[in-house]
Amino acid sequence: MQLVLIMDDEVRRYGVAAMLAHVAGVDAVVCHGTAEEAVRAGVAIPDLMVMCATDLPSPGGPAVLDTPLLLLVDGTEGVGALGEVHPCVQALVDWSGLTPNVLADAVADVMAGKFYLSPVLARRVLGRQSTAGTPQWGPMGSGLTPRELEVLRLVAGGLSNKQVARQLQISEHGVKRLMGNVLAKLNSPNRTLAVVRAIEYGLLADPKSPTGSATSVA
């Protein structure tokens, strides 16, 4: 497995690179300070790219390679728009909860086609919303139709709109319409936050499971 690590902070970059090098299945970790530097170096498309949210290219700058993206986030600032602006995001990990095991779990989930959200970050996002003066969330997602729940679970599993359409044997336009309904009903600005809220509401539980256990979305 080939990974690219983009991080401006040299000390942090060294530490994360050391952790990634010990993750099972990782063959190489190529490090760069910025996305611009990676583009100039002609980096081959890796299996996974790891970045700080603060190191994401600015609008009009070089595009992030079209590959699964694991973002390291400081607190909750900017989380709301990440999934919308960067559709390649498949994992969000909070710096304060970063450990070798958490990073290994995140990499393993993304490589398995799943969406990973670190527990620390999930609690912070949900805690910030719950302390807001005006309730912003829908009524526990109770208004979602079975088809909308089906789409939500597949999206949470890391599938793109095209992959969801193929699996459900419907058009990609139909998937976008259903996902739009999900975002509206969960009062979420993007897919990433919709998954966070779905986890909190228990909407990702496997309906076929006798225990109602949650899916593998972290």
N, C-alpha and C. Protein backbone atom coordinates (compact mmCIF):
# COMPACT_ATOMS: atom_id res chain seq x y z
N MET A 1 0.84 -1.19 0.00
CA MET A 1 0.00 0.00 0.00
C MET A 1 0.88 1.25 0.00
N GLN A 2 0.64 2.15 -0.94
CA GLN A 2 1.43 3.38 -1.06
C GLN A 2 0.64 4.56 -0.49
N LEU A 3 1.25 5.31 0.44
CA LEU A 3 0.60 6.46 1.06
C LEU A 3 1.38 7.73 0.76
N VAL A 4 0.66 8.84 0.65
CA VAL A 4 1.29 10.16 0.55
C VAL A 4 0.85 10.96 1.77
N LEU A 5 1.80 11.55 2.47
CA LEU A 5 1.53 12.38 3.65
C LEU A 5 1.89 13.82 3.32
N ILE A 6 0.92 14.72 3.40
CA ILE A 6 1.16 16.14 3.14
C ILE A 6 0.92 16.91 4.43
N MET A 7 1.97 17.53 4.93
CA MET A 7 1.88 18.22 6.21
C MET A 7 2.96 19.30 6.29
N ASP A 8 2.55 20.53 6.52
CA ASP A 8 3.49 21.64 6.56
C ASP A 8 4.34 21.62 7.82
N ASP A 9 3.76 21.22 8.94
CA ASP A 9 4.48 21.18 10.22
C ASP A 9 5.45 19.99 10.21
N GLU A 10 6.75 20.29 10.20
CA GLU A 10 7.75 19.24 10.05
C GLU A 10 7.76 18.26 11.22
N VAL A 11 7.56 18.77 12.45
CA VAL A 11 7.57 17.89 13.62
C VAL A 11 6.39 16.93 13.57
N ARG A 12 5.20 17.49 13.29
CA ARG A 12 4.02 16.63 13.19
C ARG A 12 4.16 15.63 12.04
N ARG A 13 4.70 16.10 10.93
CA ARG A 13 4.87 15.24 9.76
C ARG A 13 5.77 14.05 10.09
N TYR A 14 6.83 14.30 10.81
CA TYR A 14 7.76 13.23 11.19
C TYR A 14 7.05 12.21 12.09
N GLY A 15 6.25 12.70 13.05
CA GLY A 15 5.57 11.80 13.97
C GLY A 15 4.51 10.96 13.28
N VAL A 16 3.70 11.59 12.42
CA VAL A 16 2.65 10.85 11.72
C VAL A 16 3.26 9.85 10.74
N ALA A 17 4.33 10.25 10.07
CA ALA A 17 4.98 9.35 9.12
C ALA A 17 5.49 8.10 9.83
N ALA A 18 6.03 8.28 11.04
CA ALA A 18 6.53 7.14 11.82
C ALA A 18 5.39 6.19 12.18
N MET A 19 4.23 6.76 12.56
CA MET A 19 3.08 5.91 12.90
C MET A 19 2.58 5.18 11.66
N LEU A 20 2.47 5.88 10.53
CA LEU A 20 1.97 5.26 9.31
C LEU A 20 2.88 4.13 8.84
N ALA A 21 4.18 4.30 9.03
CA ALA A 21 5.14 3.30 8.58
C ALA A 21 4.96 1.96 9.28
N HIS A 22 4.34 2.02 10.48
CA HIS A 22 4.14 0.79 11.25
C HIS A 22 2.74 0.20 11.08
N VAL A 23 1.92 0.84 10.23
CA VAL A 23 0.57 0.31 9.99
C VAL A 23 0.67 -0.91 9.08
N ALA A 24 -0.03 -1.96 9.44
CA ALA A 24 0.01 -3.20 8.66
C ALA A 24 -0.42 -2.94 7.22
N GLY A 25 0.38 -3.44 6.29
CA GLY A 25 0.05 -3.32 4.88
C GLY A 25 0.63 -2.11 4.19
N VAL A 26 1.20 -1.17 4.95
CA VAL A 26 1.80 0.03 4.35
C VAL A 26 3.22 -0.28 3.89
N ASP A 27 3.45 -0.11 2.59
CA ASP A 27 4.77 -0.40 2.02
C ASP A 27 5.66 0.84 1.95
N ALA A 28 5.04 2.00 1.73
CA ALA A 28 5.82 3.23 1.59
C ALA A 28 4.99 4.44 1.96
N VAL A 29 5.65 5.43 2.59
CA VAL A 29 5.01 6.70 2.93
C VAL A 29 5.86 7.82 2.32
N VAL A 30 5.31 8.51 1.32
CA VAL A 30 6.01 9.61 0.67
C VAL A 30 5.54 10.91 1.31
N CYS A 31 6.48 11.72 1.81
CA CYS A 31 6.13 12.93 2.55
C CYS A 31 6.41 14.20 1.75
N HIS A 32 5.48 15.16 1.87
CA HIS A 32 5.64 16.48 1.26
C HIS A 32 5.08 17.51 2.23
N GLY A 33 5.62 18.72 2.14
CA GLY A 33 5.15 19.79 3.02
C GLY A 33 3.83 20.39 2.59
N THR A 34 3.61 20.47 1.28
CA THR A 34 2.38 21.07 0.75
C THR A 34 1.88 20.30 -0.45
N ALA A 35 0.62 20.55 -0.82
CA ALA A 35 0.06 19.92 -2.01
C ALA A 35 0.79 20.41 -3.26
N GLU A 36 1.17 21.71 -3.26
CA GLU A 36 1.91 22.27 -4.39
C GLU A 36 3.21 21.51 -4.60
N GLU A 37 3.89 21.21 -3.50
CA GLU A 37 5.16 20.49 -3.56
C GLU A 37 4.96 19.09 -4.13
N ALA A 38 3.87 18.44 -3.73
CA ALA A 38 3.59 17.09 -4.22
C ALA A 38 3.31 17.11 -5.72
N VAL A 39 2.57 18.13 -6.17
CA VAL A 39 2.25 18.24 -7.60
C VAL A 39 3.53 18.47 -8.41
N ARG A 40 4.38 19.37 -7.91
CA ARG A 40 5.65 19.64 -8.62
C ARG A 40 6.52 18.40 -8.71
N ALA A 41 6.44 17.55 -7.68
CA ALA A 41 7.28 16.35 -7.66
C ALA A 41 6.72 15.25 -8.54
N GLY A 42 5.53 15.49 -9.09
CA GLY A 42 4.92 14.49 -9.98
C GLY A 42 4.56 13.21 -9.26
N VAL A 43 3.99 13.35 -8.06
CA VAL A 43 3.65 12.18 -7.25
C VAL A 43 2.65 11.28 -7.97
N ALA A 44 2.93 9.99 -7.98
CA ALA A 44 1.99 9.03 -8.55
C ALA A 44 0.77 8.92 -7.63
N ILE A 45 -0.39 8.63 -8.20
CA ILE A 45 -1.60 8.54 -7.39
C ILE A 45 -1.45 7.41 -6.38
N PRO A 46 -1.52 7.73 -5.08
CA PRO A 46 -1.32 6.72 -4.03
C PRO A 46 -2.63 6.00 -3.71
N ASP A 47 -2.54 5.00 -2.83
CA ASP A 47 -3.73 4.30 -2.37
C ASP A 47 -4.51 5.15 -1.36
N LEU A 48 -3.78 6.02 -0.65
CA LEU A 48 -4.39 6.88 0.36
C LEU A 48 -3.54 8.11 0.57
N MET A 49 -4.19 9.25 0.75
CA MET A 49 -3.49 10.48 1.07
C MET A 49 -3.89 10.93 2.47
N VAL A 50 -2.90 11.33 3.27
CA VAL A 50 -3.13 11.80 4.63
C VAL A 50 -2.72 13.27 4.70
N MET A 51 -3.62 14.12 5.21
CA MET A 51 -3.35 15.56 5.27
C MET A 51 -3.95 16.15 6.54
N CYS A 52 -3.40 17.33 6.92
CA CYS A 52 -4.07 18.16 7.92
C CYS A 52 -5.15 18.96 7.19
N ALA A 53 -6.26 19.19 7.87
CA ALA A 53 -7.31 20.00 7.25
C ALA A 53 -6.77 21.38 6.91
N THR A 54 -5.85 21.89 7.73
CA THR A 54 -5.29 23.22 7.49
C THR A 54 -4.35 23.26 6.29
N ASP A 55 -3.93 22.09 5.80
CA ASP A 55 -3.03 22.03 4.66
C ASP A 55 -3.75 21.77 3.34
N LEU A 56 -5.08 21.70 3.40
CA LEU A 56 -5.84 21.51 2.16
C LEU A 56 -5.59 22.69 1.22
N PRO A 57 -5.46 22.44 -0.08
CA PRO A 57 -5.22 23.53 -1.02
C PRO A 57 -6.35 24.55 -0.99
N SER A 58 -6.00 25.81 -1.15
CA SER A 58 -7.01 26.86 -1.20
C SER A 58 -7.73 26.81 -2.54
N PRO A 59 -8.94 27.37 -2.61
CA PRO A 59 -9.67 27.39 -3.89
C PRO A 59 -8.80 28.00 -4.99
N GLY A 60 -8.74 27.34 -6.11
CA GLY A 60 -7.93 27.83 -7.21
C GLY A 60 -6.52 27.28 -7.18
N GLY A 61 -6.16 26.60 -6.05
CA GLY A 61 -4.84 26.01 -5.94
C GLY A 61 -4.83 24.63 -6.58
N PRO A 62 -3.71 23.90 -6.44
CA PRO A 62 -3.63 22.56 -7.04
C PRO A 62 -4.65 21.63 -6.42
N ALA A 63 -5.28 20.82 -7.24
CA ALA A 63 -6.30 19.90 -6.75
C ALA A 63 -5.66 18.75 -5.97
N VAL A 64 -6.36 18.30 -4.95
CA VAL A 64 -5.93 17.11 -4.24
C VAL A 64 -6.06 15.94 -5.19
N LEU A 65 -5.10 15.02 -5.16
CA LEU A 65 -5.15 13.88 -6.06
C LEU A 65 -6.47 13.12 -5.85
N ASP A 66 -6.98 12.57 -6.93
CA ASP A 66 -8.25 11.86 -6.89
C ASP A 66 -8.06 10.50 -6.24
N THR A 67 -7.96 10.51 -4.91
CA THR A 67 -7.69 9.30 -4.15
C THR A 67 -8.32 9.46 -2.77
N PRO A 68 -8.62 8.37 -2.07
CA PRO A 68 -9.20 8.50 -0.72
C PRO A 68 -8.33 9.40 0.16
N LEU A 69 -9.01 10.23 0.95
CA LEU A 69 -8.31 11.24 1.75
C LEU A 69 -8.64 11.08 3.23
N LEU A 70 -7.59 10.99 4.05
CA LEU A 70 -7.74 10.95 5.51
C LEU A 70 -7.30 12.31 6.03
N LEU A 71 -8.21 13.00 6.70
CA LEU A 71 -7.91 14.33 7.21
C LEU A 71 -7.72 14.33 8.72
N LEU A 72 -6.67 15.01 9.16
CA LEU A 72 -6.41 15.22 10.58
C LEU A 72 -6.91 16.61 10.92
N VAL A 73 -7.80 16.69 11.90
CA VAL A 73 -8.52 17.93 12.19
C VAL A 73 -8.24 18.40 13.61
N ASP A 74 -8.03 19.71 13.76
CA ASP A 74 -7.89 20.32 15.08
C ASP A 74 -9.27 20.78 15.54
N GLY A 75 -9.85 20.09 16.50
CA GLY A 75 -11.17 20.48 17.00
C GLY A 75 -12.22 20.32 15.94
N THR A 76 -13.23 21.19 15.94
CA THR A 76 -14.35 21.06 15.01
C THR A 76 -14.39 22.17 13.98
N GLU A 77 -13.43 23.10 14.01
CA GLU A 77 -13.47 24.21 13.07
C GLU A 77 -13.36 23.71 11.63
N GLY A 78 -14.28 24.13 10.81
CA GLY A 78 -14.22 23.79 9.39
C GLY A 78 -14.75 22.42 9.03
N VAL A 79 -15.14 21.60 10.05
CA VAL A 79 -15.59 20.25 9.75
C VAL A 79 -16.85 20.27 8.90
N GLY A 80 -17.73 21.24 9.14
CA GLY A 80 -19.02 21.27 8.46
C GLY A 80 -18.94 21.25 6.95
N ALA A 81 -17.89 21.85 6.37
CA ALA A 81 -17.83 21.96 4.91
C ALA A 81 -16.91 20.96 4.25
N LEU A 82 -16.17 20.17 5.04
CA LEU A 82 -15.14 19.32 4.45
C LEU A 82 -15.69 18.32 3.45
N GLY A 83 -16.74 17.60 3.81
CA GLY A 83 -17.26 16.58 2.91
C GLY A 83 -17.84 17.19 1.65
N GLU A 84 -18.29 18.44 1.74
CA GLU A 84 -18.91 19.09 0.60
C GLU A 84 -17.85 19.59 -0.37
N VAL A 85 -16.76 20.18 0.18
CA VAL A 85 -15.73 20.76 -0.66
C VAL A 85 -14.77 19.69 -1.19
N HIS A 86 -14.55 18.65 -0.41
CA HIS A 86 -13.60 17.61 -0.78
C HIS A 86 -14.29 16.24 -0.74
N PRO A 87 -14.89 15.84 -1.85
CA PRO A 87 -15.64 14.59 -1.89
C PRO A 87 -14.79 13.35 -1.68
N CYS A 88 -13.45 13.48 -1.77
CA CYS A 88 -12.58 12.32 -1.57
C CYS A 88 -12.39 11.97 -0.10
N VAL A 89 -12.83 12.85 0.81
CA VAL A 89 -12.65 12.60 2.24
C VAL A 89 -13.36 11.33 2.66
N GLN A 90 -12.58 10.39 3.22
CA GLN A 90 -13.14 9.13 3.70
C GLN A 90 -12.84 8.89 5.18
N ALA A 91 -12.09 9.81 5.80
CA ALA A 91 -11.78 9.65 7.23
C ALA A 91 -11.48 11.00 7.84
N LEU A 92 -12.02 11.22 9.04
CA LEU A 92 -11.75 12.43 9.82
C LEU A 92 -11.24 12.00 11.19
N VAL A 93 -10.05 12.45 11.52
CA VAL A 93 -9.43 12.06 12.79
C VAL A 93 -8.99 13.31 13.53
N ASP A 94 -9.39 13.42 14.81
CA ASP A 94 -9.02 14.58 15.62
C ASP A 94 -7.60 14.40 16.17
N TRP A 95 -6.82 15.47 16.08
CA TRP A 95 -5.44 15.42 16.57
C TRP A 95 -5.37 14.99 18.03
N SER A 96 -6.31 15.47 18.85
CA SER A 96 -6.24 15.19 20.29
C SER A 96 -6.44 13.72 20.61
N GLY A 97 -7.05 12.98 19.69
CA GLY A 97 -7.28 11.56 19.93
C GLY A 97 -6.41 10.68 19.07
N LEU A 98 -5.38 11.27 18.43
CA LEU A 98 -4.55 10.51 17.50
C LEU A 98 -3.57 9.60 18.25
N THR A 99 -3.67 8.32 17.99
CA THR A 99 -2.74 7.31 18.52
C THR A 99 -2.40 6.36 17.38
N PRO A 100 -1.34 5.56 17.52
CA PRO A 100 -1.03 4.59 16.46
C PRO A 100 -2.20 3.66 16.15
N ASN A 101 -2.94 3.25 17.19
CA ASN A 101 -4.06 2.34 16.96
C ASN A 101 -5.21 3.02 16.22
N VAL A 102 -5.51 4.28 16.60
CA VAL A 102 -6.57 5.03 15.92
C VAL A 102 -6.20 5.23 14.45
N LEU A 103 -4.96 5.59 14.19
CA LEU A 103 -4.52 5.82 12.82
C LEU A 103 -4.58 4.52 12.02
N ALA A 104 -4.17 3.42 12.64
CA ALA A 104 -4.22 2.12 11.95
C ALA A 104 -5.66 1.73 11.64
N ASP A 105 -6.56 1.96 12.59
CA ASP A 105 -7.98 1.65 12.36
C ASP A 105 -8.55 2.49 11.22
N ALA A 106 -8.18 3.78 11.20
CA ALA A 106 -8.68 4.68 10.16
C ALA A 106 -8.20 4.23 8.78
N VAL A 107 -6.92 3.91 8.66
CA VAL A 107 -6.36 3.46 7.39
C VAL A 107 -7.03 2.16 6.95
N ALA A 108 -7.19 1.23 7.88
CA ALA A 108 -7.80 -0.06 7.55
C ALA A 108 -9.24 0.11 7.06
N ASP A 109 -10.00 0.98 7.73
CA ASP A 109 -11.40 1.19 7.34
C ASP A 109 -11.50 1.83 5.95
N VAL A 110 -10.67 2.84 5.70
CA VAL A 110 -10.71 3.50 4.40
C VAL A 110 -10.33 2.52 3.29
N MET A 111 -9.32 1.72 3.53
CA MET A 111 -8.90 0.75 2.53
C MET A 111 -9.95 -0.34 2.30
N ALA A 112 -10.82 -0.52 3.31
CA ALA A 112 -11.90 -1.50 3.17
C ALA A 112 -13.15 -0.87 2.57
N GLY A 113 -13.05 0.41 2.19
CA GLY A 113 -14.17 1.10 1.56
C GLY A 113 -15.17 1.67 2.54
N LYS A 114 -14.76 1.85 3.79
CA LYS A 114 -15.66 2.37 4.82
C LYS A 114 -15.31 3.82 5.14
N PHE A 115 -16.26 4.52 5.74
CA PHE A 115 -16.03 5.88 6.20
C PHE A 115 -15.63 5.83 7.68
N TYR A 116 -14.53 6.54 8.03
CA TYR A 116 -14.06 6.52 9.42
C TYR A 116 -14.18 7.90 10.04
N LEU A 117 -14.76 7.95 11.23
CA LEU A 117 -14.85 9.17 12.01
C LEU A 117 -14.36 8.85 13.40
N SER A 118 -13.29 9.52 13.85
CA SER A 118 -12.74 9.18 15.16
C SER A 118 -13.74 9.52 16.26
N PRO A 119 -13.83 8.68 17.29
CA PRO A 119 -14.78 8.91 18.38
C PRO A 119 -14.65 10.28 19.03
N VAL A 120 -13.41 10.75 19.20
CA VAL A 120 -13.19 12.05 19.83
C VAL A 120 -13.85 13.15 19.01
N LEU A 121 -13.65 13.10 17.70
CA LEU A 121 -14.21 14.14 16.83
C LEU A 121 -15.73 14.05 16.78
N ALA A 122 -16.27 12.85 16.74
CA ALA A 122 -17.72 12.67 16.73
C ALA A 122 -18.34 13.30 17.97
N ARG A 123 -17.74 13.05 19.14
CA ARG A 123 -18.28 13.61 20.38
C ARG A 123 -18.21 15.13 20.37
N ARG A 124 -17.13 15.68 19.83
CA ARG A 124 -16.99 17.13 19.81
C ARG A 124 -17.99 17.80 18.88
N VAL A 125 -18.17 17.20 17.69
CA VAL A 125 -19.13 17.75 16.75
C VAL A 125 -20.53 17.72 17.35
N LEU A 126 -20.89 16.57 17.91
CA LEU A 126 -22.22 16.42 18.48
C LEU A 126 -22.40 17.30 19.70
N GLY A 127 -21.36 17.43 20.50
CA GLY A 127 -21.44 18.28 21.68
C GLY A 127 -21.62 19.74 21.32
N ARG A 128 -20.93 20.19 20.26
CA ARG A 128 -21.07 21.58 19.84
C ARG A 128 -22.49 21.85 19.37
N GLN A 129 -23.06 20.89 18.62
CA GLN A 129 -24.41 21.08 18.13
C GLN A 129 -25.43 21.09 19.26
N SER A 130 -25.23 20.22 20.27
CA SER A 130 -26.21 20.11 21.35
C SER A 130 -26.23 21.33 22.25
N THR A 131 -25.14 22.11 22.26
CA THR A 131 -25.09 23.30 23.10
C THR A 131 -25.51 24.55 22.35
N ALA A 132 -25.86 24.41 21.06
CA ALA A 132 -26.29 25.57 20.28
C ALA A 132 -27.60 26.11 20.83
N GLY A 133 -27.80 27.40 20.72
CA GLY A 133 -28.99 28.02 21.28
C GLY A 133 -30.27 27.57 20.60
N THR A 134 -30.22 27.35 19.28
CA THR A 134 -31.41 26.94 18.54
C THR A 134 -31.22 25.54 18.02
N PRO A 135 -32.16 24.63 18.28
CA PRO A 135 -32.02 23.28 17.77
C PRO A 135 -31.87 23.31 16.25
N GLN A 136 -30.89 22.53 15.75
CA GLN A 136 -30.61 22.53 14.31
C GLN A 136 -30.88 21.19 13.67
N TRP A 137 -31.20 20.20 14.46
CA TRP A 137 -31.32 18.87 13.91
C TRP A 137 -32.76 18.45 13.73
N GLY A 138 -32.96 17.54 12.82
CA GLY A 138 -34.31 17.00 12.60
C GLY A 138 -34.69 16.05 13.72
N PRO A 139 -35.93 15.56 13.72
CA PRO A 139 -36.42 14.69 14.77
C PRO A 139 -35.91 13.26 14.64
N MET A 140 -34.62 13.08 14.96
CA MET A 140 -34.01 11.75 15.01
C MET A 140 -34.09 10.99 13.69
N GLY A 141 -34.21 11.73 12.58
CA GLY A 141 -34.22 11.09 11.28
C GLY A 141 -35.44 10.21 11.04
N SER A 142 -36.48 10.42 11.85
CA SER A 142 -37.65 9.55 11.76
C SER A 142 -38.38 9.69 10.43
N GLY A 143 -38.13 10.80 9.71
CA GLY A 143 -38.85 11.02 8.46
C GLY A 143 -38.21 10.36 7.25
N LEU A 144 -37.06 9.69 7.44
CA LEU A 144 -36.38 9.06 6.31
C LEU A 144 -37.15 7.83 5.83
N THR A 145 -37.27 7.71 4.53
CA THR A 145 -37.93 6.55 3.94
C THR A 145 -36.95 5.37 3.94
N PRO A 146 -37.44 4.14 3.78
CA PRO A 146 -36.55 2.98 3.71
C PRO A 146 -35.49 3.13 2.61
N ARG A 147 -35.89 3.71 1.47
CA ARG A 147 -34.94 3.88 0.36
C ARG A 147 -33.87 4.90 0.73
N GLU A 148 -34.27 5.98 1.40
CA GLU A 148 -33.31 7.00 1.83
C GLU A 148 -32.34 6.43 2.86
N LEU A 149 -32.84 5.59 3.76
CA LEU A 149 -31.97 4.95 4.74
C LEU A 149 -30.98 4.01 4.05
N GLU A 150 -31.44 3.34 3.01
CA GLU A 150 -30.58 2.44 2.25
C GLU A 150 -29.43 3.21 1.62
N VAL A 151 -29.75 4.35 1.01
CA VAL A 151 -28.73 5.19 0.40
C VAL A 151 -27.77 5.72 1.46
N LEU A 152 -28.30 6.17 2.59
CA LEU A 152 -27.48 6.71 3.67
C LEU A 152 -26.48 5.67 4.17
N ARG A 153 -26.92 4.43 4.35
CA ARG A 153 -26.03 3.38 4.84
C ARG A 153 -24.91 3.09 3.84
N LEU A 154 -25.26 3.10 2.55
CA LEU A 154 -24.24 2.84 1.53
C LEU A 154 -23.24 3.98 1.44
N VAL A 155 -23.72 5.21 1.55
CA VAL A 155 -22.83 6.38 1.54
C VAL A 155 -21.91 6.33 2.76
N ALA A 156 -22.46 5.98 3.93
CA ALA A 156 -21.65 5.87 5.14
C ALA A 156 -20.61 4.77 5.02
N GLY A 157 -20.90 3.79 4.16
CA GLY A 157 -19.95 2.71 3.92
C GLY A 157 -18.85 3.08 2.96
N GLY A 158 -18.89 4.33 2.46
CA GLY A 158 -17.82 4.82 1.61
C GLY A 158 -18.10 4.76 0.12
N LEU A 159 -19.31 4.39 -0.28
CA LEU A 159 -19.62 4.29 -1.71
C LEU A 159 -19.90 5.66 -2.32
N SER A 160 -19.47 5.84 -3.56
CA SER A 160 -19.77 7.06 -4.30
C SER A 160 -21.19 6.99 -4.83
N ASN A 161 -21.71 8.12 -5.33
CA ASN A 161 -23.05 8.12 -5.90
C ASN A 161 -23.18 7.11 -7.03
N LYS A 162 -22.15 7.02 -7.86
CA LYS A 162 -22.18 6.08 -8.98
C LYS A 162 -22.24 4.64 -8.48
N GLN A 163 -21.46 4.33 -7.43
CA GLN A 163 -21.45 2.97 -6.88
C GLN A 163 -22.78 2.63 -6.23
N VAL A 164 -23.37 3.62 -5.53
CA VAL A 164 -24.68 3.41 -4.90
C VAL A 164 -25.73 3.13 -5.98
N ALA A 165 -25.68 3.92 -7.05
CA ALA A 165 -26.63 3.75 -8.15
C ALA A 165 -26.52 2.35 -8.75
N ARG A 166 -25.30 1.89 -8.92
CA ARG A 166 -25.09 0.56 -9.50
C ARG A 166 -25.62 -0.52 -8.57
N GLN A 167 -25.37 -0.37 -7.27
CA GLN A 167 -25.80 -1.40 -6.32
C GLN A 167 -27.32 -1.44 -6.18
N LEU A 168 -27.95 -0.27 -6.21
CA LEU A 168 -29.40 -0.22 -6.05
C LEU A 168 -30.14 -0.31 -7.38
N GLN A 169 -29.36 -0.31 -8.46
CA GLN A 169 -29.93 -0.41 -9.81
C GLN A 169 -30.90 0.74 -10.10
N ILE A 170 -30.44 1.95 -9.76
CA ILE A 170 -31.19 3.16 -10.08
C ILE A 170 -30.22 4.14 -10.73
N SER A 171 -30.73 5.26 -11.21
CA SER A 171 -29.86 6.23 -11.88
C SER A 171 -29.05 7.03 -10.85
N GLU A 172 -27.93 7.57 -11.33
CA GLU A 172 -27.12 8.40 -10.45
C GLU A 172 -27.89 9.65 -10.03
N HIS A 173 -28.72 10.17 -10.93
CA HIS A 173 -29.57 11.31 -10.61
C HIS A 173 -30.53 10.95 -9.47
N GLY A 174 -31.03 9.72 -9.50
CA GLY A 174 -31.93 9.28 -8.43
C GLY A 174 -31.23 9.23 -7.09
N VAL A 175 -29.97 8.80 -7.09
CA VAL A 175 -29.19 8.75 -5.85
C VAL A 175 -28.99 10.16 -5.31
N LYS A 176 -28.65 11.10 -6.20
CA LYS A 176 -28.44 12.49 -5.77
C LYS A 176 -29.72 13.07 -5.18
N ARG A 177 -30.85 12.74 -5.78
CA ARG A 177 -32.13 13.24 -5.27
C ARG A 177 -32.42 12.67 -3.88
N LEU A 178 -32.19 11.35 -3.72
CA LEU A 178 -32.43 10.71 -2.43
C LEU A 178 -31.47 11.25 -1.36
N MET A 179 -30.20 11.47 -1.76
CA MET A 179 -29.24 11.99 -0.80
C MET A 179 -29.58 13.42 -0.43
N GLY A 180 -30.12 14.18 -1.37
CA GLY A 180 -30.57 15.54 -1.07
C GLY A 180 -31.68 15.52 -0.04
N ASN A 181 -32.58 14.54 -0.15
CA ASN A 181 -33.65 14.39 0.83
C ASN A 181 -33.08 14.07 2.21
N VAL A 182 -32.06 13.20 2.23
CA VAL A 182 -31.43 12.82 3.50
C VAL A 182 -30.80 14.04 4.17
N LEU A 183 -30.05 14.83 3.39
CA LEU A 183 -29.40 16.02 3.95
C LEU A 183 -30.43 16.99 4.51
N ALA A 184 -31.54 17.15 3.79
CA ALA A 184 -32.58 18.08 4.23
C ALA A 184 -33.23 17.58 5.52
N LYS A 185 -33.53 16.29 5.58
CA LYS A 185 -34.23 15.75 6.75
C LYS A 185 -33.34 15.67 7.99
N LEU A 186 -32.02 15.51 7.77
CA LEU A 186 -31.09 15.51 8.90
C LEU A 186 -30.52 16.90 9.14
N ASN A 187 -30.99 17.87 8.37
CA ASN A 187 -30.53 19.25 8.48
C ASN A 187 -29.01 19.32 8.46
N SER A 188 -28.41 18.64 7.49
CA SER A 188 -26.96 18.58 7.37
C SER A 188 -26.52 19.27 6.08
N PRO A 189 -25.45 20.06 6.13
CA PRO A 189 -24.99 20.76 4.94
C PRO A 189 -24.23 19.87 3.96
N ASN A 190 -23.79 18.67 4.42
CA ASN A 190 -23.02 17.80 3.56
C ASN A 190 -23.07 16.37 4.06
N ARG A 191 -22.51 15.46 3.26
CA ARG A 191 -22.55 14.03 3.56
C ARG A 191 -21.81 13.69 4.85
N THR A 192 -20.67 14.36 5.09
CA THR A 192 -19.88 14.05 6.26
C THR A 192 -20.67 14.25 7.55
N LEU A 193 -21.31 15.42 7.67
CA LEU A 193 -22.06 15.71 8.88
C LEU A 193 -23.32 14.86 8.96
N ALA A 194 -23.87 14.49 7.81
CA ALA A 194 -25.04 13.61 7.80
C ALA A 194 -24.69 12.26 8.41
N VAL A 195 -23.49 11.76 8.10
CA VAL A 195 -23.05 10.48 8.67
C VAL A 195 -22.87 10.61 10.18
N VAL A 196 -22.29 11.74 10.62
CA VAL A 196 -22.11 11.99 12.06
C VAL A 196 -23.46 11.92 12.77
N ARG A 197 -24.44 12.59 12.22
CA ARG A 197 -25.75 12.64 12.85
C ARG A 197 -26.45 11.29 12.78
N ALA A 198 -26.25 10.58 11.68
CA ALA A 198 -26.85 9.26 11.54
C ALA A 198 -26.31 8.30 12.59
N ILE A 199 -25.01 8.42 12.89
CA ILE A 199 -24.40 7.60 13.93
C ILE A 199 -25.06 7.89 15.27
N GLU A 200 -25.22 9.16 15.59
CA GLU A 200 -25.81 9.56 16.86
C GLU A 200 -27.26 9.07 16.97
N TYR A 201 -27.99 9.11 15.86
CA TYR A 201 -29.40 8.72 15.88
C TYR A 201 -29.60 7.21 15.80
N GLY A 202 -28.51 6.47 15.60
CA GLY A 202 -28.64 5.03 15.48
C GLY A 202 -29.20 4.58 14.15
N LEU A 203 -29.11 5.44 13.14
CA LEU A 203 -29.69 5.12 11.83
C LEU A 203 -28.84 4.13 11.03
N LEU A 204 -27.60 3.90 11.47
CA LEU A 204 -26.72 3.01 10.71
C LEU A 204 -26.72 1.60 11.27
N ALA A 205 -27.64 1.31 12.21
CA ALA A 205 -27.75 -0.05 12.73
C ALA A 205 -28.21 -0.96 11.62
N ASP A 206 -27.69 -2.17 11.63
CA ASP A 206 -28.07 -3.15 10.60
C ASP A 206 -29.47 -3.68 10.91
N PRO A 207 -30.46 -3.41 10.05
CA PRO A 207 -31.82 -3.85 10.33
C PRO A 207 -31.96 -5.37 10.38
N LYS A 208 -30.99 -6.10 9.81
CA LYS A 208 -31.06 -7.55 9.80
C LYS A 208 -30.41 -8.16 11.03
N SER A 209 -29.72 -7.31 11.80
CA SER A 209 -29.03 -7.81 12.98
C SER A 209 -30.00 -7.95 14.14
N PRO A 210 -30.02 -9.10 14.83
CA PRO A 210 -30.94 -9.28 15.94
C PRO A 210 -30.64 -8.40 17.11
N THR A 211 -29.39 -7.94 17.20
CA THR A 211 -29.01 -7.07 18.30
C THR A 211 -29.07 -5.62 17.93
N GLY A 212 -29.29 -5.35 16.62
CA GLY A 212 -29.33 -3.97 16.17
C GLY A 212 -27.98 -3.31 16.26
N SER A 213 -26.91 -4.08 16.13
CA SER A 213 -25.57 -3.54 16.27
C SER A 213 -25.29 -2.55 15.16
N ALA A 214 -24.41 -1.60 15.46
CA ALA A 214 -24.09 -0.56 14.50
C ALA A 214 -23.23 -1.14 13.39
N THR A 215 -23.20 -0.42 12.28
CA THR A 215 -22.33 -0.82 11.18
C THR A 215 -20.90 -0.51 11.57
N SER A 216 -19.97 -0.85 10.70
CA SER A 216 -18.57 -0.66 11.02
C SER A 216 -18.10 0.76 10.84
N VAL A 217 -18.98 1.69 10.52
CA VAL A 217 -18.59 3.09 10.44
C VAL A 217 -18.13 3.52 11.80
N ALA A 218 -16.90 4.07 11.92
CA ALA A 218 -16.36 4.39 13.23
C ALA A 218 -16.92 5.69 13.76
